[in-house]
C-alpha atoms as a PDB file:
ATOM      1  CA  MET A   1      80.696 104.864 104.073  1.00  0.00           C
ATOM      2  CA  ARG A   2      78.621 103.881 102.001  1.00  0.00           C
ATOM      3  CA  ARG A   3      79.183 100.303 101.825  1.00  0.00           C
ATOM      4  CA  LYS A   4      77.613  99.473 105.261  1.00  0.00           C
ATOM      5  CA  ASP A   5      78.551  95.565 104.946  1.00  0.00           C
ATOM      6  CA  ARG A   6      82.253  96.149 104.559  1.00  0.00           C
ATOM      7  CA  GLU A   7      82.500  98.632 107.034  1.00  0.00           C
ATOM      8  CA  ILE A   8      83.946  97.962 110.961  1.00  0.00           C
ATOM      9  CA  ARG A   9      82.948  99.332 113.615  1.00  0.00           C
ATOM     10  CA  ASP A  10      84.573  97.441 116.687  1.00  0.00           C
ATOM     11  CA  ILE A  11      87.941  99.100 117.575  1.00  0.00           C
ATOM     12  CA  ARG A  12      89.945  95.269 119.000  1.00  0.00           C
ATOM     13  CA  GLU A  13      88.921  94.396 114.929  1.00  0.00           C
ATOM     14  CA  ILE A  14      90.190  97.577 113.622  1.00  0.00           C
ATOM     15  CA  ALA A  15      93.075  98.071 114.866  1.00  0.00           C
ATOM     16  CA  LYS A  16      94.510  93.936 114.303  1.00  0.00           C
ATOM     17  CA  ILE A  17      94.096  94.508 111.218  1.00  0.00           C
ATOM     18  CA  MET A  18      96.776  97.794 111.892  1.00  0.00           C
ATOM     19  CA  ARG A  19      99.334  95.994 113.405  1.00  0.00           C
ATOM     20  CA  ARG A  20      99.541  93.881 110.108  1.00  0.00           C
ATOM     21  CA  CYS A  21      99.898  97.337 107.928  1.00  0.00           C
ATOM     22  CA  ASP A  22     103.207  97.394 107.264  1.00  0.00           C
ATOM     23  CA  VAL A  23     103.362 101.667 107.200  1.00  0.00           C
ATOM     24  CA  CYS A  24     100.874 104.814 107.420  1.00  0.00           C
ATOM     25  CA  ARG A  25     100.266 107.373 105.517  1.00  0.00           C
ATOM     26  CA  ILE A  26      99.796 110.619 107.166  1.00  0.00           C
ATOM     27  CA  ALA A  27      97.755 113.297 105.625  1.00  0.00           C
ATOM     28  CA  LEU A  28      99.113 116.897 106.831  1.00  0.00           C
ATOM     29  CA  ASN A  29      97.842 120.326 105.179  1.00  0.00           C
ATOM     30  CA  ASP A  30     100.020 122.156 103.134  1.00  0.00           C
ATOM     31  CA  HIS A  31      98.209 126.074 102.447  1.00  0.00           C
ATOM     32  CA  GLY A  32      95.559 124.521 101.475  1.00  0.00           C
ATOM     33  CA  TYR A  33      96.618 120.752  99.658  1.00  0.00           C
ATOM     34  CA  PRO A  34      97.173 117.246 101.589  1.00  0.00           C
ATOM     35  CA  TYR A  35     100.690 116.832 101.688  1.00  0.00           C
ATOM     36  CA  ILE A  36     100.966 112.734 101.934  1.00  0.00           C
ATOM     37  CA  ILE A  37     103.460 110.604 104.203  1.00  0.00           C
ATOM     38  CA  PRO A  38     104.403 106.897 103.642  1.00  0.00           C
ATOM     39  CA  LEU A  39     106.065 106.347 107.480  1.00  0.00           C
ATOM     40  CA  ASN A  40     106.758 103.325 109.690  1.00  0.00           C
ATOM     41  CA  PHE A  41     104.358 103.865 112.954  1.00  0.00           C
ATOM     42  CA  GLY A  42     104.173 102.222 116.549  1.00  0.00           C
ATOM     43  CA  MET A  43     101.162 101.562 118.034  1.00  0.00           C
ATOM     44  CA  GLU A  44      98.674 101.956 120.645  1.00  0.00           C
ATOM     45  CA  LEU A  45      95.265 100.315 121.340  1.00  0.00           C
ATOM     46  CA  SER A  46      93.793 102.007 125.173  1.00  0.00           C
ATOM     47  CA  GLU A  47      91.467 101.001 127.883  1.00  0.00           C
ATOM     48  CA  ASP A  48      88.987 103.177 126.430  1.00  0.00           C
ATOM     49  CA  GLY A  49      89.716 101.697 122.858  1.00  0.00           C
ATOM     50  CA  ARG A  50      91.323 105.058 121.793  1.00  0.00           C
ATOM     51  CA  ILE A  51      94.267 104.316 119.492  1.00  0.00           C
ATOM     52  CA  THR A  52      97.343 106.987 119.350  1.00  0.00           C
ATOM     53  CA  LEU A  53      99.917 106.609 117.051  1.00  0.00           C
ATOM     54  CA  TYR A  54     103.438 107.277 116.790  1.00  0.00           C
ATOM     55  CA  PHE A  55     106.368 107.962 114.718  1.00  0.00           C
ATOM     56  CA  HIS A  56     109.737 109.495 114.078  1.00  0.00           C
ATOM     57  CA  SER A  57     112.226 111.205 112.199  1.00  0.00           C
ATOM     58  CA  ALA A  58     115.145 113.667 111.795  1.00  0.00           C
ATOM     59  CA  LEU A  59     114.142 116.644 114.092  1.00  0.00           C
ATOM     60  CA  GLU A  60     114.209 119.242 111.318  1.00  0.00           C
ATOM     61  CA  GLY A  61     112.436 119.793 107.927  1.00  0.00           C
ATOM     62  CA  TYR A  62     109.767 120.613 106.152  1.00  0.00           C
ATOM     63  CA  LYS A  63     107.268 117.994 108.073  1.00  0.00           C
ATOM     64  CA  ARG A  64     107.865 119.427 111.739  1.00  0.00           C
ATOM     65  CA  GLY A  65     106.477 123.020 109.877  1.00  0.00           C
ATOM     66  CA  LEU A  66     103.595 121.552 108.661  1.00  0.00           C
ATOM     67  CA  MET A  67     102.741 119.825 112.072  1.00  0.00           C
ATOM     68  CA  GLU A  68     103.823 123.007 114.120  1.00  0.00           C
ATOM     69  CA  GLU A  69     100.700 125.080 111.856  1.00  0.00           C
ATOM     70  CA  ASP A  70      98.504 122.902 111.220  1.00  0.00           C
ATOM     71  CA  SER A  71      98.499 119.625 114.074  1.00  0.00           C
ATOM     72  CA  ARG A  72      95.268 118.106 112.166  1.00  0.00           C
ATOM     73  CA  ALA A  73      96.116 115.623 109.765  1.00  0.00           C
ATOM     74  CA  SER A  74      94.810 112.402 108.376  1.00  0.00           C
ATOM     75  CA  PHE A  75      96.429 109.216 108.375  1.00  0.00           C
ATOM     76  CA  GLU A  76      96.010 106.068 105.489  1.00  0.00           C
ATOM     77  CA  MET A  77      96.599 103.091 105.740  1.00  0.00           C
ATOM     78  CA  ASP A  78      95.517  99.009 104.297  1.00  0.00           C
ATOM     79  CA  CYS A  79      96.881  95.115 104.001  1.00  0.00           C
ATOM     80  CA  GLY A  80      95.854  92.196 102.333  1.00  0.00           C
ATOM     81  CA  HIS A  81      95.863  93.010  99.034  1.00  0.00           C
ATOM     82  CA  GLU A  82      95.147  90.130  97.071  1.00  0.00           C
ATOM     83  CA  LEU A  83      95.030  90.869  93.530  1.00  0.00           C
ATOM     84  CA  GLN A  84      91.491  88.675  91.820  1.00  0.00           C
ATOM     85  CA  TYR A  85      90.397  87.330  88.599  1.00  0.00           C
ATOM     86  CA  PHE A  86      88.059  85.661  86.802  1.00  0.00           C
ATOM     87  CA  ALA A  87      89.282  84.139  82.624  1.00  0.00           C
ATOM     88  CA  GLU A  88      85.632  82.915  82.526  1.00  0.00           C
ATOM     89  CA  ARG A  89      84.055  85.789  83.448  1.00  0.00           C
ATOM     90  CA  GLY A  90      86.312  87.813  82.346  1.00  0.00           C
ATOM     91  CA  TYR A  91      86.060  89.514  86.273  1.00  0.00           C
ATOM     92  CA  CYS A  92      88.623  91.398  88.215  1.00  0.00           C
ATOM     93  CA  THR A  93      88.048  92.425  91.298  1.00  0.00           C
ATOM     94  CA  TYR A  94      90.204  93.767  94.611  1.00  0.00           C
ATOM     95  CA  ALA A  95      90.943  91.803  98.736  1.00  0.00           C
ATOM     96  CA  TYR A  96      91.621  94.342 101.266  1.00  0.00           C
ATOM     97  CA  GLU A  97      91.689  95.349 104.071  1.00  0.00           C
ATOM     98  CA  SER A  98      91.914  99.147 104.841  1.00  0.00           C
ATOM     99  CA  VAL A  99      92.036 101.911 108.121  1.00  0.00           C
ATOM    100  CA  ILE A 100      91.140 105.338 108.049  1.00  0.00           C
ATOM    101  CA  GLY A 101      90.156 107.855 109.956  1.00  0.00           C
ATOM    102  CA  ARG A 102      92.304 111.759 111.914  1.00  0.00           C
ATOM    103  CA  GLY A 103      93.244 113.900 114.857  1.00  0.00           C
ATOM    104  CA  ARG A 104      95.694 115.761 115.976  1.00  0.00           C
ATOM    105  CA  ILE A 105      99.272 115.442 116.513  1.00  0.00           C
ATOM    106  CA  SER A 106     101.382 116.835 118.915  1.00  0.00           C
ATOM    107  CA  ILE A 107     105.493 116.280 118.663  1.00  0.00           C
ATOM    108  CA  LEU A 108     106.063 113.902 122.053  1.00  0.00           C
ATOM    109  CA  PRO A 109     108.904 115.989 125.361  1.00  0.00           C
ATOM    110  CA  GLU A 110     112.074 114.183 125.429  1.00  0.00           C
ATOM    111  CA  GLU A 111     110.664 111.987 128.263  1.00  0.00           C
ATOM    112  CA  GLU A 112     108.413 110.142 127.218  1.00  0.00           C
ATOM    113  CA  LYS A 113     110.380 109.815 123.552  1.00  0.00           C
ATOM    114  CA  ALA A 114     111.825 106.020 124.332  1.00  0.00           C
ATOM    115  CA  ALA A 115     108.279 104.566 124.856  1.00  0.00           C
ATOM    116  CA  ALA A 116     106.792 105.639 121.587  1.00  0.00           C
ATOM    117  CA  LEU A 117     110.342 104.039 120.249  1.00  0.00           C
ATOM    118  CA  ARG A 118     109.204 100.825 122.451  1.00  0.00           C
ATOM    119  CA  LEU A 119     106.340 100.734 120.325  1.00  0.00           C
ATOM    120  CA  LEU A 120     108.050 101.168 117.208  1.00  0.00           C
ATOM    121  CA  MET A 121     110.015  98.376 116.805  1.00  0.00           C
ATOM    122  CA  ASP A 122     107.217  96.628 118.539  1.00  0.00           C
ATOM    123  CA  HIS A 123     105.537  96.735 115.963  1.00  0.00           C
ATOM    124  CA  TYR A 124     108.019  95.835 113.499  1.00  0.00           C
ATOM    125  CA  HIS A 125     109.694  93.499 115.428  1.00  0.00           C
ATOM    126  CA  PRO A 126     106.286  91.647 117.907  1.00  0.00           C
ATOM    127  CA  GLY A 127     107.457  89.918 120.713  1.00  0.00           C
ATOM    128  CA  LYS A 128     110.786  90.522 120.164  1.00  0.00           C
ATOM    129  CA  GLU A 129     111.563  93.746 122.995  1.00  0.00           C
ATOM    130  CA  ALA A 130     114.418  94.442 120.012  1.00  0.00           C
ATOM    131  CA  GLY A 131     116.032  97.260 121.138  1.00  0.00           C
ATOM    132  CA  PHE A 132     117.550 100.274 120.055  1.00  0.00           C
ATOM    133  CA  ASN A 133     120.875 103.145 120.760  1.00  0.00           C
ATOM    134  CA  PRO A 134     119.740 105.482 123.011  1.00  0.00           C
ATOM    135  CA  ALA A 135     121.831 107.989 121.359  1.00  0.00           C
ATOM    136  CA  ALA A 136     119.644 108.401 118.995  1.00  0.00           C
ATOM    137  CA  ILE A 137     116.951 109.667 121.491  1.00  0.00           C
ATOM    138  CA  PRO A 138     117.564 113.177 121.567  1.00  0.00           C
ATOM    139  CA  ARG A 139     119.290 113.357 117.939  1.00  0.00           C
ATOM    140  CA  THR A 140     114.888 111.656 116.547  1.00  0.00           C
ATOM    141  CA  LEU A 141     112.176 112.919 116.166  1.00  0.00           C
ATOM    142  CA  VAL A 142     109.052 111.426 118.220  1.00  0.00           C
ATOM    143  CA  TYR A 143     105.126 111.927 117.327  1.00  0.00           C
ATOM    144  CA  LYS A 144     102.246 111.589 118.599  1.00  0.00           C
ATOM    145  CA  LEU A 145      99.165 111.474 116.502  1.00  0.00           C
ATOM    146  CA  CYS A 146      95.204 110.943 118.973  1.00  0.00           C
ATOM    147  CA  ALA A 147      92.861 108.891 116.465  1.00  0.00           C
ATOM    148  CA  GLU A 148      90.043 111.170 117.047  1.00  0.00           C
ATOM    149  CA  GLU A 149      87.256 109.497 113.597  1.00  0.00           C
ATOM    150  CA  ILE A 150      88.548 106.263 112.531  1.00  0.00           C
ATOM    151  CA  CYS A 151      87.016 103.930 110.287  1.00  0.00           C
ATOM    152  CA  GLY A 152      87.189 100.109 108.925  1.00  0.00           C
ATOM    153  CA  LYS A 153      86.630  98.360 106.018  1.00  0.00           C
ATOM    154  CA  ARG A 154      87.450  94.850 104.479  1.00  0.00           C
ATOM    155  CA  LYS A 155      86.806  93.706 101.656  1.00  0.00           C
ATOM    156  CA  GLU A 156      86.639  89.215 101.431  1.00  0.00           C
ATOM    157  CA  ARG A 157      88.716  87.369  98.986  1.00  0.00           C
ATOM    158  CA  LYS A 158      86.083  86.410  96.808  1.00  0.00           C
ATOM    159  CA  VAL A 159      85.435  82.071  96.411  1.00  0.00           C
ATOM    160  CA  LEU A 160      83.643  81.079  93.188  1.00  0.00           C
ATOM    161  CA  ASP A 161      80.804  78.670  93.517  1.00  0.00           C
ATOM    162  CA  HIS A 162      83.544  75.812  91.632  1.00  0.00           C
ATOM    163  CA  GLU A 163      86.283  76.789  94.062  1.00  0.00           C
ATOM    164  CA  LYS A 164      83.588  75.946  97.448  1.00  0.00           C
ATOM    165  CA  SER A 165      82.368  72.714  95.329  1.00  0.00           C
ATOM    166  CA  ARG A 166      85.723  71.659  95.061  1.00  0.00           C
ATOM    167  CA  GLU A 167      86.714  72.961  99.580  1.00  0.00           C
ATOM    168  CA  GLN A 168      84.757  71.042 100.339  1.00  0.00           C
ATOM    169  CA  GLY A 169      85.056  67.998  98.251  1.00  0.00           C
ATOM    170  CA  SER A 170      88.577  67.988 100.194  1.00  0.00           C
END
C-alpha cells in the first residue's frame, strides 16, 4: 500500500469497517478476466483473527460455474463515503473506509447452510434475530470465502483550520 498512513492492519478494526458495509463485491476468474459481482454478505471473525464471508444465490448460474472452475476470489467493500469540496481553496477530497482481500470460495453442504444464512440476516438486522423461511434452504446456494489476505484503508474527513477554530469555540 502506497499510503501507509491510511493502512489499517488490526483485524478487529477491519472487521468493524466490514460490519458497516452494505455490499461486498467479489471478483472471480472468468477465463482470464475478472467477473465482478456485488453481493449481500454475512461475516464471521474467528478467535484466531480469521475472517470468513458468507453469500447466497440461486442454485445454478454462471457464477456457480466460475466458482467450481477456480475457487480463487478477490473481494472489496467500502463505506463512510463523504465528498468534501472546499470552494475557497478549489479543493476536493473524499473520505472513506475500505477493505480488500482475497481467498478461496467453497460451496457449503446442506447441513451448514442455515448457520451461514443466519449470519447474513444478522449483518442486515443486527441484534434482532431476524428469521427466514427454512423452506428456502434447499433452493439456495450458500457459499463462503475464507480470507487468506486482507487489508483495510481509511481516509479521514478533512477538517480545515477555520472548522477547527469553530469546533474549539463551541
